N, C-alpha and C. Protein backbone atom coordinates (compact mmCIF):
# COMPACT_ATOMS: atom_id res chain seq x y z
N MET A 1 87.55 108.64 38.62
CA MET A 1 88.02 109.34 38.07
C MET A 1 88.24 110.36 39.53
N ASP A 2 88.54 111.10 39.86
CA ASP A 2 88.02 112.20 41.30
C ASP A 2 87.93 113.50 40.04
N LEU A 3 86.46 113.94 40.41
CA LEU A 3 86.79 115.24 39.45
C LEU A 3 87.94 116.06 40.21
N LYS A 4 87.51 117.32 39.60
CA LYS A 4 88.18 118.05 39.71
C LYS A 4 88.15 119.29 39.92
N LYS A 5 88.08 120.64 41.69
CA LYS A 5 87.08 120.97 42.67
C LYS A 5 88.00 122.47 42.52
N ILE A 6 86.85 123.45 41.64
CA ILE A 6 86.73 124.43 40.90
C ILE A 6 86.30 125.79 41.87
N GLY A 7 86.98 127.23 42.08
CA GLY A 7 86.47 127.78 43.07
C GLY A 7 86.07 128.30 42.39
N LEU A 8 85.24 129.88 42.04
CA LEU A 8 83.64 129.94 41.54
C LEU A 8 83.58 132.19 42.40
N LEU A 9 84.38 132.83 41.53
CA LEU A 9 84.57 133.95 42.28
C LEU A 9 83.85 135.18 41.60
N GLY A 10 82.41 135.60 41.60
CA GLY A 10 81.85 136.45 40.58
C GLY A 10 81.81 137.97 40.75
N GLY A 11 82.24 138.62 39.92
CA GLY A 11 81.91 140.13 40.87
C GLY A 11 82.39 140.77 39.58
N SER A 12 82.01 142.82 40.27
CA SER A 12 81.71 143.15 39.15
C SER A 12 83.43 143.91 39.17
N PHE A 13 84.93 143.31 39.68
CA PHE A 13 85.99 143.35 39.28
C PHE A 13 86.16 144.98 39.04
N ASP A 14 85.34 145.25 39.90
CA ASP A 14 86.07 147.74 39.57
C ASP A 14 86.48 148.58 40.30
N PRO A 15 87.44 148.74 40.63
CA PRO A 15 88.85 147.01 40.11
C PRO A 15 88.53 146.07 41.34
N VAL A 16 89.62 145.01 40.27
CA VAL A 16 90.19 144.46 40.90
C VAL A 16 90.88 144.69 42.24
N HIS A 17 90.95 144.29 43.33
CA HIS A 17 91.96 144.66 44.39
C HIS A 17 91.93 144.06 45.54
N ARG A 18 93.27 143.57 46.52
CA ARG A 18 93.78 142.93 47.41
C ARG A 18 92.79 141.53 47.87
N ALA A 19 92.29 142.53 48.64
CA ALA A 19 90.77 141.60 48.80
C ALA A 19 90.58 140.66 48.41
N HIS A 20 89.92 141.33 47.34
CA HIS A 20 89.60 140.13 46.70
C HIS A 20 90.93 138.56 46.01
N ILE A 21 91.51 138.76 45.47
CA ILE A 21 93.14 138.14 45.17
C ILE A 21 93.26 137.03 46.81
N ALA A 22 93.52 138.06 48.02
CA ALA A 22 93.43 136.96 49.26
C ALA A 22 92.06 136.31 49.92
N LEU A 23 90.79 136.44 49.26
CA LEU A 23 89.82 135.18 49.30
C LEU A 23 89.66 134.70 48.17
N ALA A 24 90.27 134.60 47.42
CA ALA A 24 90.25 133.62 46.33
C ALA A 24 91.30 132.46 46.76
N GLU A 25 92.93 132.99 47.23
CA GLU A 25 93.93 132.29 47.84
C GLU A 25 93.71 131.63 49.04
N THR A 26 92.19 131.91 49.58
CA THR A 26 92.71 131.33 51.02
C THR A 26 91.70 130.60 50.36
N ALA A 27 90.72 130.70 49.96
CA ALA A 27 89.59 129.53 49.32
C ALA A 27 90.48 128.67 48.64
N ARG A 28 90.81 128.79 47.88
CA ARG A 28 91.74 127.76 47.52
C ARG A 28 92.69 126.62 48.24
N LYS A 29 93.26 127.54 49.27
CA LYS A 29 93.70 126.62 50.04
C LYS A 29 92.95 126.48 51.11
N HIS A 30 91.90 126.74 51.57
CA HIS A 30 91.22 125.84 52.80
C HIS A 30 90.55 124.52 51.90
N LEU A 31 90.47 125.04 51.08
CA LEU A 31 89.40 123.41 50.89
C LEU A 31 90.72 122.95 49.48
N ALA A 32 91.26 123.12 49.42
CA ALA A 32 92.53 122.68 48.51
C ALA A 32 91.39 122.08 47.27
N LEU A 33 91.45 123.36 46.44
CA LEU A 33 90.77 123.86 45.55
C LEU A 33 91.92 123.15 43.90
N ASP A 34 92.04 123.00 43.13
CA ASP A 34 92.26 122.38 42.42
C ASP A 34 92.47 124.23 41.70
N GLU A 35 91.95 124.97 41.17
CA GLU A 35 92.13 126.50 40.92
C GLU A 35 90.86 126.84 41.33
N VAL A 36 91.23 128.41 41.29
CA VAL A 36 89.30 129.37 40.88
C VAL A 36 89.10 129.93 39.87
N GLN A 37 88.92 130.58 38.63
CA GLN A 37 87.98 131.22 38.43
C GLN A 37 88.12 132.33 38.89
N LEU A 38 88.30 133.44 38.81
CA LEU A 38 87.71 135.02 38.93
C LEU A 38 86.91 135.08 37.43
N ILE A 39 85.54 135.47 38.00
CA ILE A 39 84.48 135.40 36.58
C ILE A 39 84.15 137.17 36.96
N PRO A 40 84.20 138.02 36.28
CA PRO A 40 83.87 139.15 36.22
C PRO A 40 82.96 139.16 35.43
N ALA A 41 81.43 140.11 35.53
CA ALA A 41 80.30 140.17 35.40
C ALA A 41 80.47 140.66 33.80
N ALA A 42 79.58 141.06 32.53
CA ALA A 42 79.51 141.82 31.58
C ALA A 42 78.73 143.00 32.69
N ASP A 43 77.69 142.64 32.98
CA ASP A 43 75.87 143.69 33.58
C ASP A 43 75.57 143.10 34.26
N PRO A 44 75.86 143.44 35.80
CA PRO A 44 75.44 142.98 36.80
C PRO A 44 73.85 143.60 36.73
N TRP A 45 72.38 142.60 37.27
CA TRP A 45 71.18 143.47 37.08
C TRP A 45 71.15 143.85 38.69
N GLN A 46 72.16 143.82 39.81
CA GLN A 46 70.83 143.72 40.88
C GLN A 46 72.63 145.03 41.39
N ARG A 47 72.97 146.49 40.08
CA ARG A 47 74.32 146.66 40.92
C ARG A 47 74.14 147.99 39.66
N PRO A 48 74.75 149.44 40.00
CA PRO A 48 74.05 150.66 38.67
C PRO A 48 75.59 150.27 38.60
N ALA A 49 75.11 151.14 37.61
CA ALA A 49 76.41 150.62 36.07
C ALA A 49 77.67 150.35 36.61
N LEU A 50 78.48 150.41 35.77
CA LEU A 50 79.78 149.54 35.99
C LEU A 50 80.41 150.55 35.76
N LYS A 51 81.96 151.30 36.00
CA LYS A 51 82.91 152.46 35.88
C LYS A 51 83.55 152.04 35.07
N ALA A 52 84.14 150.96 34.88
CA ALA A 52 85.36 150.58 33.81
C ALA A 52 84.64 149.41 32.78
N SER A 53 85.81 149.97 31.99
CA SER A 53 85.07 149.82 30.48
C SER A 53 85.56 147.48 30.88
N ARG A 54 84.88 146.61 29.58
CA ARG A 54 84.88 145.62 30.46
C ARG A 54 86.41 144.95 29.86
N ARG A 55 86.65 144.99 29.05
CA ARG A 55 88.01 145.21 28.06
C ARG A 55 89.37 145.44 29.39
N HIS A 56 89.01 146.38 30.12
CA HIS A 56 89.35 147.64 30.79
C HIS A 56 89.97 146.86 32.23
N ARG A 57 88.69 145.67 32.36
CA ARG A 57 88.47 145.62 34.34
C ARG A 57 88.98 143.78 33.56
N MET A 58 89.01 143.57 32.85
CA MET A 58 90.05 141.98 32.40
C MET A 58 90.71 142.35 32.10
N LYS A 59 91.21 143.26 31.38
CA LYS A 59 92.91 143.16 31.95
C LYS A 59 93.50 143.56 33.52
N MET A 60 93.06 144.30 34.12
CA MET A 60 93.12 143.73 35.88
C MET A 60 93.68 142.91 36.03
N LEU A 61 92.29 142.24 35.56
CA LEU A 61 92.03 140.70 36.31
C LEU A 61 93.49 140.12 35.50
N ASP A 62 94.09 140.39 34.29
CA ASP A 62 94.67 139.72 34.29
C ASP A 62 96.28 139.78 35.06
N LEU A 63 96.49 141.50 35.28
CA LEU A 63 97.83 141.80 36.05
C LEU A 63 97.38 141.68 36.75
N ALA A 64 96.57 141.67 37.40
CA ALA A 64 96.66 141.38 39.08
C ALA A 64 96.65 139.65 39.36
N ILE A 65 95.75 139.01 38.77
CA ILE A 65 96.29 137.52 38.99
C ILE A 65 97.62 137.07 38.70
N ALA A 66 98.25 137.71 37.12
CA ALA A 66 99.78 137.06 36.38
C ALA A 66 100.49 135.98 37.41
N SER A 67 100.82 136.40 38.85
CA SER A 67 101.97 135.44 39.51
C SER A 67 100.97 134.64 40.81
N TYR A 68 100.09 134.15 40.14
CA TYR A 68 99.50 133.59 41.45
C TYR A 68 98.37 131.82 40.12
N PRO A 69 99.70 131.17 39.78
CA PRO A 69 98.96 130.11 38.96
C PRO A 69 98.38 129.71 38.71
N PHE A 70 97.21 129.03 40.51
CA PHE A 70 96.13 128.95 40.15
C PHE A 70 94.74 129.46 40.10
N LEU A 71 95.25 130.80 40.22
CA LEU A 71 93.92 131.59 40.23
C LEU A 71 93.87 131.99 38.21
N ASN A 72 92.53 132.41 37.43
CA ASN A 72 92.23 132.18 35.72
C ASN A 72 91.42 132.77 36.27
N LEU A 73 91.61 133.45 34.79
CA LEU A 73 90.61 134.43 34.62
C LEU A 73 89.43 133.59 33.64
N ASN A 74 87.88 134.17 33.91
CA ASN A 74 87.12 132.92 32.99
C ASN A 74 86.02 133.97 33.23
N THR A 75 86.51 134.00 31.71
CA THR A 75 85.54 135.70 30.63
C THR A 75 84.23 135.05 29.81
N VAL A 76 83.21 133.60 30.94
CA VAL A 76 82.10 133.70 30.52
C VAL A 76 81.04 134.21 30.47
N GLU A 77 81.17 135.10 31.20
CA GLU A 77 80.55 136.12 31.51
C GLU A 77 80.20 137.79 30.46
N VAL A 78 81.61 137.58 30.35
CA VAL A 78 81.31 139.04 29.30
C VAL A 78 81.41 138.13 28.38
N ASP A 79 81.62 137.76 28.27
CA ASP A 79 81.69 136.54 25.99
C ASP A 79 80.04 137.10 25.88
N ARG A 80 79.57 136.24 26.94
CA ARG A 80 78.17 136.94 26.51
C ARG A 80 76.99 137.49 27.17
N GLY A 81 77.86 138.90 27.22
CA GLY A 81 77.08 140.11 27.33
C GLY A 81 75.42 140.68 27.83
N GLY A 82 75.30 141.30 27.77
CA GLY A 82 74.06 140.90 28.17
C GLY A 82 73.91 141.36 30.08
N LYS A 83 72.21 141.02 30.82
CA LYS A 83 72.60 140.87 32.13
C LYS A 83 72.14 139.70 32.26
N THR A 84 73.63 139.77 33.60
CA THR A 84 74.43 139.40 34.32
C THR A 84 73.61 138.50 35.26
N TYR A 85 73.54 136.57 35.28
CA TYR A 85 72.42 135.91 36.41
C TYR A 85 73.69 135.10 36.16
N THR A 86 73.91 134.45 37.49
CA THR A 86 74.90 133.21 38.47
C THR A 86 74.18 132.07 37.61
N ILE A 87 72.63 131.80 37.18
CA ILE A 87 72.27 130.60 36.58
C ILE A 87 72.30 130.75 35.50
N ASP A 88 72.82 131.37 34.51
CA ASP A 88 73.17 130.90 33.23
C ASP A 88 74.60 130.93 32.67
N THR A 89 75.45 131.51 34.03
CA THR A 89 77.15 130.85 33.44
C THR A 89 77.58 129.39 34.53
N LEU A 90 76.43 128.99 35.65
CA LEU A 90 76.59 127.72 36.30
C LEU A 90 75.88 126.14 35.34
N GLU A 91 75.09 126.72 34.30
CA GLU A 91 74.66 126.03 33.30
C GLU A 91 75.13 125.58 32.02
N GLY A 92 76.68 126.95 31.57
CA GLY A 92 77.02 126.27 30.97
C GLY A 92 78.67 125.86 31.45
N LEU A 93 79.22 125.70 32.41
CA LEU A 93 80.04 125.24 32.38
C LEU A 93 80.09 123.52 32.12
N PRO A 94 81.67 123.12 32.25
CA PRO A 94 81.50 122.07 31.69
C PRO A 94 80.76 120.36 33.29
N LYS A 95 81.15 119.72 33.20
CA LYS A 95 79.55 118.81 33.97
C LYS A 95 80.74 117.83 34.22
N THR A 96 82.27 118.08 34.37
CA THR A 96 83.58 117.67 35.48
C THR A 96 84.38 118.41 35.92
N ALA A 97 83.53 118.76 36.99
CA ALA A 97 84.33 119.05 38.26
C ALA A 97 83.18 119.06 38.87
N GLN A 98 83.96 119.64 40.27
CA GLN A 98 83.31 120.01 41.36
C GLN A 98 83.09 121.03 41.47
N TYR A 99 81.67 122.15 41.38
CA TYR A 99 82.07 123.92 41.78
C TYR A 99 81.90 124.10 43.30
N PHE A 100 83.07 125.75 43.59
CA PHE A 100 82.40 125.35 44.83
C PHE A 100 82.14 127.48 44.36
N TRP A 101 80.95 128.49 45.30
CA TRP A 101 80.95 129.87 44.84
C TRP A 101 81.51 130.26 45.86
N ILE A 102 82.18 131.61 45.99
CA ILE A 102 82.69 132.41 46.15
C ILE A 102 82.07 133.29 46.82
N LEU A 103 81.52 134.07 48.33
CA LEU A 103 80.96 135.21 48.36
C LEU A 103 80.99 135.73 49.59
N GLY A 104 80.70 136.51 50.09
CA GLY A 104 80.68 137.07 51.14
C GLY A 104 79.31 137.56 51.54
N THR A 105 79.49 138.27 53.14
CA THR A 105 77.93 137.28 54.08
C THR A 105 77.41 138.93 53.67
N ASP A 106 78.01 139.90 53.15
CA ASP A 106 76.99 141.37 52.54
C ASP A 106 75.96 139.95 51.29
N GLN A 107 76.44 139.12 49.98
CA GLN A 107 76.14 138.90 49.65
C GLN A 107 75.32 137.65 49.97
N LEU A 108 75.14 137.04 50.67
CA LEU A 108 75.08 135.63 51.43
C LEU A 108 73.55 136.30 52.04
N GLN A 109 72.84 137.21 52.89
CA GLN A 109 71.87 137.99 52.89
C GLN A 109 70.84 138.59 52.01
N ASN A 110 71.34 138.64 50.80
CA ASN A 110 70.21 138.66 50.28
C ASN A 110 70.80 137.48 49.27
N PHE A 111 71.10 136.56 49.02
CA PHE A 111 71.03 135.49 48.07
C PHE A 111 69.90 134.67 47.75
N CYS A 112 68.55 134.95 48.41
CA CYS A 112 67.06 134.89 47.68
C CYS A 112 66.65 134.92 46.48
N THR A 113 67.12 136.52 46.75
CA THR A 113 66.97 137.57 46.22
C THR A 113 67.81 137.13 44.08
N TRP A 114 68.39 136.14 44.12
CA TRP A 114 69.07 135.57 42.91
C TRP A 114 68.11 135.30 42.36
N HIS A 115 68.17 135.10 40.89
CA HIS A 115 68.02 135.21 40.15
C HIS A 115 67.35 133.24 39.95
N ARG A 116 66.32 132.37 39.74
CA ARG A 116 66.58 131.22 39.76
C ARG A 116 67.56 130.99 41.29
N TRP A 117 67.27 131.29 42.81
CA TRP A 117 68.52 130.73 43.82
C TRP A 117 68.07 129.36 43.85
N GLU A 118 67.27 128.33 43.41
CA GLU A 118 67.20 127.42 44.23
C GLU A 118 68.46 126.35 43.33
N ASP A 119 68.31 127.24 41.65
CA ASP A 119 68.22 126.32 41.04
C ASP A 119 70.05 126.19 40.92
N ILE A 120 70.54 127.46 41.19
CA ILE A 120 72.26 127.84 41.94
C ILE A 120 72.71 127.49 42.83
N LEU A 121 72.34 126.35 44.10
CA LEU A 121 72.15 125.16 44.91
C LEU A 121 72.70 124.08 44.16
N ALA A 122 71.49 123.83 42.75
CA ALA A 122 72.43 122.35 42.69
C ALA A 122 73.42 122.17 41.90
N TYR A 123 73.86 123.28 41.09
CA TYR A 123 75.27 123.41 40.93
C TYR A 123 76.29 123.41 41.46
N VAL A 124 76.19 124.32 43.24
CA VAL A 124 78.38 124.85 43.58
C VAL A 124 77.44 124.09 45.19
N HIS A 125 78.80 124.06 45.69
CA HIS A 125 78.91 124.56 47.52
C HIS A 125 78.76 125.73 47.46
N LEU A 126 77.85 126.38 48.69
CA LEU A 126 78.90 128.28 48.88
C LEU A 126 79.62 127.86 50.23
N VAL A 127 80.60 129.21 49.26
CA VAL A 127 81.09 128.92 51.02
C VAL A 127 81.44 130.39 50.89
N VAL A 128 80.88 130.38 52.58
CA VAL A 128 80.43 131.75 52.51
C VAL A 128 82.41 133.00 53.43
N ALA A 129 82.62 133.43 52.97
CA ALA A 129 83.33 134.64 53.96
C ALA A 129 82.50 135.80 54.26
N ASN A 130 83.71 136.15 56.11
CA ASN A 130 83.25 137.66 56.47
C ASN A 130 83.42 138.52 55.36
N ARG A 131 82.70 140.02 55.50
CA ARG A 131 83.37 141.07 55.25
C ARG A 131 83.12 141.98 55.83
N PRO A 132 83.46 143.08 56.26
CA PRO A 132 83.63 143.79 57.77
C PRO A 132 81.34 144.49 58.17
N GLY A 133 81.42 144.98 58.74
CA GLY A 133 80.51 145.13 58.73
C GLY A 133 78.82 144.51 58.96
N THR A 134 79.09 142.90 58.29
CA THR A 134 78.16 142.33 57.97
C THR A 134 78.41 141.01 59.20
N GLU A 135 77.29 140.44 59.52
CA GLU A 135 77.20 138.73 59.97
C GLU A 135 76.67 137.24 59.12
N PRO A 136 77.89 136.17 59.37
CA PRO A 136 77.18 135.45 58.72
C PRO A 136 75.89 134.86 59.30
N VAL A 137 74.87 134.89 58.33
CA VAL A 137 73.89 134.50 59.13
C VAL A 137 72.67 134.89 57.70
N PRO A 138 71.94 133.30 56.74
CA PRO A 138 71.80 133.19 55.98
C PRO A 138 70.11 133.16 55.94
N PRO A 139 69.62 133.60 55.45
CA PRO A 139 68.61 133.72 55.12
C PRO A 139 67.70 132.32 55.34
N GLU A 140 66.77 132.50 56.15
CA GLU A 140 65.93 130.86 56.66
C GLU A 140 65.22 130.21 55.73
N PRO A 141 64.96 130.88 53.86
CA PRO A 141 64.82 129.73 52.98
C PRO A 141 66.02 129.50 52.64
N LEU A 142 67.09 130.43 52.38
CA LEU A 142 68.07 130.03 52.07
C LEU A 142 68.91 127.79 52.95
N ILE A 143 68.75 128.03 54.31
CA ILE A 143 68.83 127.15 55.48
C ILE A 143 68.58 126.25 54.76
N LYS A 144 66.69 126.06 54.71
CA LYS A 144 65.84 125.22 54.89
C LYS A 144 66.23 124.26 53.20
N MET A 145 66.89 124.76 52.25
CA MET A 145 66.65 124.15 50.92
C MET A 145 68.15 123.30 51.10
N LEU A 146 69.78 124.32 51.78
CA LEU A 146 70.94 123.71 52.05
C LEU A 146 70.00 122.36 52.91
N GLU A 147 69.09 122.17 54.02
CA GLU A 147 69.17 121.13 54.78
C GLU A 147 68.47 120.00 53.09
N THR A 148 67.00 120.55 52.27
CA THR A 148 66.98 119.51 51.71
C THR A 148 67.84 118.59 50.95
N LEU A 149 68.99 118.99 50.61
CA LEU A 149 69.42 119.01 48.81
C LEU A 149 70.70 118.34 49.92
N LYS A 150 71.09 118.09 51.19
CA LYS A 150 71.62 118.02 52.33
C LYS A 150 73.09 118.34 52.04
N LYS A 151 73.09 120.03 51.48
CA LYS A 151 74.78 120.60 51.43
C LYS A 151 74.90 121.16 52.00
N PRO A 152 76.50 121.05 52.92
CA PRO A 152 76.39 122.29 54.15
C PRO A 152 76.46 123.49 53.74
N LEU A 153 77.11 124.59 54.31
CA LEU A 153 77.43 126.31 54.33
C LEU A 153 78.67 126.61 53.94
N ILE A 154 79.79 126.27 53.10
CA ILE A 154 80.98 126.02 54.03
C ILE A 154 81.72 127.76 54.37
N SER A 155 82.26 127.46 56.09
CA SER A 155 81.92 129.01 56.39
C SER A 155 83.68 128.87 55.89
N LEU A 156 84.40 129.69 55.18
CA LEU A 156 85.70 130.04 55.31
C LEU A 156 86.41 131.23 55.79
N PRO A 157 87.08 131.20 57.22
CA PRO A 157 88.27 131.20 58.06
C PRO A 157 88.70 132.03 56.85
N PHE A 158 87.90 134.00 56.97
CA PHE A 158 89.43 134.73 55.48
C PHE A 158 89.41 135.39 57.19
N GLU A 159 90.06 136.38 57.22
CA GLU A 159 90.12 138.25 58.26
C GLU A 159 89.90 138.76 57.00
N PRO A 160 88.23 139.45 57.12
CA PRO A 160 87.84 140.75 56.46
C PRO A 160 89.08 141.48 56.30
N MET A 161 88.39 142.15 55.00
CA MET A 161 89.59 143.27 54.04
C MET A 161 89.39 144.90 54.11
N PRO A 162 89.44 145.52 55.36
CA PRO A 162 88.46 146.78 54.84
C PRO A 162 87.93 147.63 54.35
N ILE A 163 88.56 147.41 52.43
CA ILE A 163 88.93 147.78 51.57
C ILE A 163 87.54 147.11 50.69
N ALA A 164 86.95 148.20 49.99
CA ALA A 164 85.78 148.36 48.62
C ALA A 164 86.10 149.06 47.68
N ALA A 165 85.82 148.80 46.20
CA ALA A 165 85.88 149.00 45.08
C ALA A 165 85.57 149.97 45.15
N THR A 166 84.33 150.54 45.16
CA THR A 166 83.81 151.92 45.40
C THR A 166 84.35 152.65 46.48
N GLU A 167 85.47 152.74 47.39
CA GLU A 167 86.16 154.03 47.99
C GLU A 167 87.33 153.13 47.58
N ILE A 168 87.49 152.56 46.71
CA ILE A 168 89.06 153.30 46.15
C ILE A 168 88.67 154.04 44.71
N ARG A 169 87.87 153.30 44.01
CA ARG A 169 86.92 154.93 43.04
C ARG A 169 87.67 156.17 43.78
N ASP A 170 85.94 156.01 44.84
CA ASP A 170 86.41 157.70 45.35
C ASP A 170 87.96 157.56 45.66
N LEU A 171 88.42 157.07 46.13
CA LEU A 171 90.62 157.75 45.92
C LEU A 171 90.27 157.85 45.20
N LEU A 172 90.05 157.11 43.86
CA LEU A 172 90.57 157.85 42.87
C LEU A 172 90.26 159.20 42.49
N ALA A 173 89.52 159.18 42.08
CA ALA A 173 88.19 160.65 42.03
C ALA A 173 89.08 161.93 42.53
N GLY A 174 89.13 161.01 43.54
CA GLY A 174 89.71 162.50 44.73
C GLY A 174 91.38 162.47 44.87
N GLY A 175 92.19 161.03 43.77
CA GLY A 175 93.86 162.67 43.63
C GLY A 175 94.50 161.94 45.19
N GLN A 176 93.83 160.76 45.40
CA GLN A 176 94.87 160.50 46.79
C GLN A 176 94.97 159.44 46.62
N SER A 177 95.57 158.70 47.86
CA SER A 177 96.45 156.77 47.61
C SER A 177 95.94 156.04 47.94
N VAL A 178 95.66 155.17 47.11
CA VAL A 178 95.48 153.48 47.24
C VAL A 178 96.21 152.39 47.01
N ASN A 179 97.82 152.33 47.03
CA ASN A 179 98.75 151.94 46.36
C ASN A 179 98.87 150.59 47.72
N ASP A 180 98.09 150.84 48.84
CA ASP A 180 97.72 149.38 50.32
C ASP A 180 97.39 149.08 49.96
N MET A 181 96.05 149.79 49.40
CA MET A 181 94.47 148.38 48.80
C MET A 181 95.19 147.85 47.08
N LEU A 182 95.39 147.76 46.01
CA LEU A 182 95.92 147.44 44.88
C LEU A 182 97.32 147.05 44.56
N ASP A 183 97.22 146.16 43.72
CA ASP A 183 98.25 145.51 43.11
C ASP A 183 98.67 146.63 42.34
N GLN A 184 100.59 146.75 42.35
CA GLN A 184 101.37 147.73 42.05
C GLN A 184 100.57 148.29 40.90
N ASN A 185 100.45 147.14 40.00
CA ASN A 185 100.56 146.32 38.53
C ASN A 185 99.05 147.44 37.76
N VAL A 186 98.66 146.96 38.71
CA VAL A 186 96.75 147.35 38.48
C VAL A 186 96.57 148.84 38.48
N LEU A 187 97.81 149.26 39.79
CA LEU A 187 97.09 150.84 39.43
C LEU A 187 97.80 151.48 38.73
N ALA A 188 99.29 151.66 38.69
CA ALA A 188 99.86 151.87 36.53
C ALA A 188 98.93 152.30 35.58
N TYR A 189 97.77 150.53 35.24
CA TYR A 189 97.36 150.67 34.34
C TYR A 189 96.08 151.28 34.20
N ILE A 190 95.59 151.53 35.41
CA ILE A 190 94.72 152.45 35.79
C ILE A 190 95.42 154.13 35.48
N ARG A 191 96.31 154.20 35.71
CA ARG A 191 97.45 155.90 36.58
C ARG A 191 96.85 155.81 34.57
N GLU A 192 96.99 154.80 33.41
CA GLU A 192 98.04 154.89 32.15
C GLU A 192 97.32 154.81 31.70
N HIS A 193 96.05 154.68 32.21
CA HIS A 193 94.44 154.82 31.08
C HIS A 193 93.48 155.39 31.37
N HIS A 194 94.01 156.62 33.04
CA HIS A 194 92.59 157.54 34.27
C HIS A 194 91.90 157.29 33.95
N LEU A 195 91.59 156.14 33.28
CA LEU A 195 90.62 155.36 34.76
C LEU A 195 90.18 155.97 36.14
N TYR A 196 88.92 155.70 36.24
CA TYR A 196 88.41 156.95 37.44
C TYR A 196 88.59 157.62 38.30
N GLN A 197 88.73 158.59 37.24
CA GLN A 197 88.75 159.96 37.49
C GLN A 197 87.69 160.78 36.86
N ALA A 198 88.14 161.66 38.75
CA ALA A 198 86.81 163.03 38.18
C ALA A 198 86.11 163.31 36.54
């Protein structure tokens, strides 16, 4: 029996934007994945406090992926609560699939600072997409570990999109337009609930 191939895209999604969705769809098509699960973090330990509540971030994700049949919301980290560690999430996944962890070059560079990063590699194939301003250069310890495990570092042909959640929040706080950065239903939700206002 062939194992299902599932992509995993974790993040704060504060808010989810067009680059997140484009990345998930690119990975799905390029790697012939059965689905990509977007996993919102409960409380990312390496980042400052999130601006929108878990409920709002999940609702925005629901809206953003509504028209993409192969993108799904995985609420495991939000349901678990507390500090978010990728390894805890991976250890809880069903063993009935092959998993591909999608990350940007910015995350690749600090991958070896992640909690139990060596253990993460036992559960997933790493898929790296270009991000503006960072080179796809993996840290030396990661290269050695992948060689030991005989696993490739999969490169995703993704044209970097100059969109960042930080910039979106700043523009929204300043009352400026973010129309081309967000799904229109997500933008309508943000306005309805007065999120990210100064």
